[in-house]
Protein backbone atom coordinates (compact mmCIF):
# COMPACT_ATOMS: atom_id res chain seq x y z
CA MET A 1 7.27 -3.34 -18.22
CA LEU A 2 5.33 -1.37 -20.80
CA VAL A 3 6.51 2.25 -21.06
CA LEU A 4 4.22 4.78 -22.74
CA SER A 5 4.57 8.44 -23.57
CA ARG A 6 1.51 10.59 -22.97
CA LYS A 7 0.95 14.34 -23.07
CA GLU A 8 -1.14 16.41 -20.71
CA GLY A 9 -4.82 15.64 -21.23
CA GLU A 10 -4.18 12.30 -22.93
CA LYS A 11 -5.60 9.09 -21.54
CA LEU A 12 -4.94 5.40 -21.45
CA ARG A 13 -7.26 2.56 -20.61
CA LEU A 14 -6.53 -0.58 -18.59
CA GLY A 15 -9.11 -3.20 -19.41
CA GLU A 16 -12.71 -2.01 -19.67
CA GLU A 17 -13.08 -0.33 -16.27
CA ILE A 18 -9.92 1.67 -15.60
CA LEU A 19 -9.14 5.01 -17.26
CA ILE A 20 -5.96 6.95 -16.46
CA THR A 21 -5.69 10.61 -17.50
CA VAL A 22 -2.50 12.69 -17.49
CA VAL A 23 -3.85 15.73 -15.65
CA LYS A 24 -0.68 17.83 -15.40
CA VAL A 25 2.99 17.49 -16.28
CA GLY A 26 5.42 19.52 -14.19
CA ALA A 27 9.19 19.81 -14.04
CA ASP A 28 9.62 16.93 -11.61
CA LYS A 29 6.24 15.22 -11.32
CA VAL A 30 3.21 14.07 -13.23
CA ARG A 31 -0.36 14.27 -11.89
CA LEU A 32 -2.59 11.39 -12.90
CA GLY A 33 -6.34 11.04 -12.65
CA ILE A 34 -7.60 7.50 -12.20
CA GLN A 35 -11.17 6.41 -12.83
CA ALA A 36 -11.72 2.90 -11.52
CA PRO A 37 -14.38 0.84 -9.74
CA SER A 38 -14.70 1.79 -6.07
CA ASN A 39 -13.89 -1.77 -4.97
CA LEU A 40 -10.42 -1.54 -6.55
CA LEU A 41 -7.72 -0.55 -4.06
CA ILE A 42 -5.29 1.97 -5.56
CA LEU A 43 -2.19 2.85 -3.52
CA ARG A 44 1.01 4.71 -4.24
CA ASP A 45 3.84 2.18 -4.20
CA GLU A 46 5.53 3.71 -1.13
CA LEU A 47 2.29 3.41 0.87
CA GLU A 48 1.89 -0.24 -0.05
CA LEU A 49 5.45 -0.94 1.06
CA HIS A 50 4.89 0.93 4.35
CA ASP A 51 1.71 -1.05 5.05
CA GLN A 52 3.47 -4.31 4.21
CA ILE A 53 6.37 -3.54 6.58
CA GLU A 54 3.90 -2.64 9.34
CA ALA A 55 2.04 -5.93 8.86
CA GLU A 56 5.30 -7.90 8.96
CA ASP A 57 6.31 -6.13 12.18
CA GLU A 58 2.97 -7.03 13.75
CA GLU A 59 3.53 -10.67 12.80
CA ARG A 60 6.95 -10.62 14.49
CA ILE A 61 5.48 -9.40 17.76
CA THR A 62 3.96 -12.18 19.77
CA LEU A 63 2.20 -12.24 23.08
CA VAL A 64 3.55 -14.68 25.57
CA PHE A 65 1.08 -15.75 28.19
CA THR A 66 2.41 -17.10 31.41
CA GLN A 67 0.55 -17.90 34.52
CA GLU A 68 1.94 -17.18 37.92
CA ILE A 69 -0.14 -17.92 40.97
CA ASN A 70 -3.32 -18.15 38.87
CA GLN A 71 -2.87 -14.61 37.52
CA PRO A 72 -2.31 -14.30 33.76
CA VAL A 73 0.53 -12.06 32.74
CA VAL A 74 0.74 -10.64 29.22
CA LYS A 75 4.23 -9.83 28.11
CA PRO A 76 5.07 -8.49 24.60
CA MET A 77 8.11 -10.09 23.06
CA ARG A 78 9.87 -9.08 19.83
CA ILE A 79 11.30 -11.86 17.69
CA ALA A 80 14.51 -11.05 15.84
CA ALA A 81 14.09 -11.08 12.05
């Protein structure tokens, strides 16, 4: 991991298309401005983890189709991880 020190107003560049600016430094947080192509997905780490967990939960849920007297029944079933 590369660790850099930057002051408020200073910038750093990632490749040719991404520019990160330190907008504000507070006591317990830093505000960053990110200029990047609109097709680049930028997520806070905790959001990415939340989305990944949700997707894994959806994969664990399966629909079991059974047929009783020619009538389809849809029953959700959770598979233990």
